[in-house]
């Protein structure tokens, strides 16, 4: 079964973001862009962006991202 978290993480990786190994948070998988911005993906598919988790803001996730293609 594909989770919301894995769908979002795969999408971020397909856009060229790199996953941070040994992030400072265990609640989120962390991805980084070349400009230093970080994307934080929660276990249930929550998506945040910012320099740190504490300074990050929540981003809405497009529901069409989760549609099953037939």
C-alpha atoms as a PDB file:
ATOM      1  CA  UNK A   1       0.000   0.000   0.000  1.00  0.00           C
ATOM      2  CA  UNK A   2       1.290   3.430  -0.933  1.00  0.00           C
ATOM      3  CA  UNK A   3       1.042   6.006   1.846  1.00  0.00           C
ATOM      4  CA  UNK A   4       0.429   9.744   1.508  1.00  0.00           C
ATOM      5  CA  UNK A   5       3.912  10.324   2.885  1.00  0.00           C
ATOM      6  CA  UNK A   6       5.561   8.136   0.245  1.00  0.00           C
ATOM      7  CA  UNK A   7       3.563   9.758  -2.584  1.00  0.00           C
ATOM      8  CA  UNK A   8       4.634  13.249  -1.488  1.00  0.00           C
ATOM      9  CA  UNK A   9       8.248  12.158  -0.944  1.00  0.00           C
ATOM     10  CA  UNK A  10       8.395  10.561  -4.399  1.00  0.00           C
ATOM     11  CA  UNK A  11       6.974  13.743  -5.940  1.00  0.00           C
ATOM     12  CA  UNK A  12       9.557  15.933  -4.181  1.00  0.00           C
ATOM     13  CA  UNK A  13      12.388  13.633  -5.303  1.00  0.00           C
ATOM     14  CA  UNK A  14      11.101  13.671  -8.891  1.00  0.00           C
ATOM     15  CA  UNK A  15      11.376  17.477  -8.767  1.00  0.00           C
ATOM     16  CA  UNK A  16      15.058  17.243  -7.861  1.00  0.00           C
ATOM     17  CA  UNK A  17      14.941  17.724  -4.090  1.00  0.00           C
ATOM     18  CA  UNK A  18      17.408  15.712  -2.025  1.00  0.00           C
ATOM     19  CA  UNK A  19      16.439  13.896   1.154  1.00  0.00           C
ATOM     20  CA  UNK A  20      18.469  14.926   4.208  1.00  0.00           C
ATOM     21  CA  UNK A  21      20.162  11.994   5.911  1.00  0.00           C
ATOM     22  CA  UNK A  22      20.093  12.069   9.734  1.00  0.00           C
ATOM     23  CA  UNK A  23      17.769  15.082  10.032  1.00  0.00           C
ATOM     24  CA  UNK A  24      17.469  16.905  13.353  1.00  0.00           C
ATOM     25  CA  UNK A  25      13.797  15.862  13.614  1.00  0.00           C
ATOM     26  CA  UNK A  26      12.333  12.378  13.856  1.00  0.00           C
ATOM     27  CA  UNK A  27       8.763  13.507  13.154  1.00  0.00           C
ATOM     28  CA  UNK A  28       9.391  14.503   9.541  1.00  0.00           C
ATOM     29  CA  UNK A  29      11.275  13.322   6.485  1.00  0.00           C
ATOM     30  CA  UNK A  30      13.282  16.349   5.359  1.00  0.00           C
ATOM     31  CA  UNK A  31      14.075  17.385   1.784  1.00  0.00           C
ATOM     32  CA  UNK A  32      16.212  20.325   0.714  1.00  0.00           C
ATOM     33  CA  UNK A  33      16.374  22.605  -2.318  1.00  0.00           C
ATOM     34  CA  UNK A  34      19.481  24.254  -3.703  1.00  0.00           C
ATOM     35  CA  UNK A  35      18.451  27.621  -2.198  1.00  0.00           C
ATOM     36  CA  UNK A  36      18.446  26.192   1.335  1.00  0.00           C
ATOM     37  CA  UNK A  37      14.687  25.845   1.812  1.00  0.00           C
ATOM     38  CA  UNK A  38      13.576  22.627   3.480  1.00  0.00           C
ATOM     39  CA  UNK A  39      10.410  20.614   2.959  1.00  0.00           C
ATOM     40  CA  UNK A  40       9.150  18.573   5.904  1.00  0.00           C
ATOM     41  CA  UNK A  41       6.836  15.622   5.232  1.00  0.00           C
ATOM     42  CA  UNK A  42       4.949  14.186   8.194  1.00  0.00           C
ATOM     43  CA  UNK A  43       3.977  10.563   8.735  1.00  0.00           C
ATOM     44  CA  UNK A  44       0.362  11.234   7.665  1.00  0.00           C
ATOM     45  CA  UNK A  45       1.251  13.375   4.650  1.00  0.00           C
ATOM     46  CA  UNK A  46       1.481  16.818   6.260  1.00  0.00           C
ATOM     47  CA  UNK A  47       3.703  19.113   4.196  1.00  0.00           C
ATOM     48  CA  UNK A  48       5.610  22.090   5.611  1.00  0.00           C
ATOM     49  CA  UNK A  49       8.249  24.425   4.132  1.00  0.00           C
ATOM     50  CA  UNK A  50      10.843  26.646   5.805  1.00  0.00           C
ATOM     51  CA  UNK A  51      14.411  26.825   7.044  1.00  0.00           C
ATOM     52  CA  UNK A  52      13.574  24.900  10.236  1.00  0.00           C
ATOM     53  CA  UNK A  53      10.549  22.966  11.503  1.00  0.00           C
ATOM     54  CA  UNK A  54       9.831  25.698  14.036  1.00  0.00           C
ATOM     55  CA  UNK A  55       9.878  28.434  11.398  1.00  0.00           C
ATOM     56  CA  UNK A  56       8.062  26.418   8.728  1.00  0.00           C
ATOM     57  CA  UNK A  57       4.556  26.993   7.403  1.00  0.00           C
ATOM     58  CA  UNK A  58       2.014  24.414   6.372  1.00  0.00           C
ATOM     59  CA  UNK A  59       1.367  23.907   2.655  1.00  0.00           C
ATOM     60  CA  UNK A  60      -1.854  22.527   1.207  1.00  0.00           C
ATOM     61  CA  UNK A  61      -1.452  19.295  -0.734  1.00  0.00           C
ATOM     62  CA  UNK A  62      -3.349  18.908  -3.998  1.00  0.00           C
ATOM     63  CA  UNK A  63      -5.853  16.018  -3.538  1.00  0.00           C
ATOM     64  CA  UNK A  64      -5.357  15.018  -7.188  1.00  0.00           C
ATOM     65  CA  UNK A  65      -1.875  13.877  -6.196  1.00  0.00           C
ATOM     66  CA  UNK A  66      -3.494  10.919  -4.389  1.00  0.00           C
ATOM     67  CA  UNK A  67      -5.892   9.816  -7.142  1.00  0.00           C
ATOM     68  CA  UNK A  68      -5.358   6.292  -8.415  1.00  0.00           C
ATOM     69  CA  UNK A  69      -4.736   6.302 -12.150  1.00  0.00           C
ATOM     70  CA  UNK A  70      -6.604   3.617 -14.069  1.00  0.00           C
END
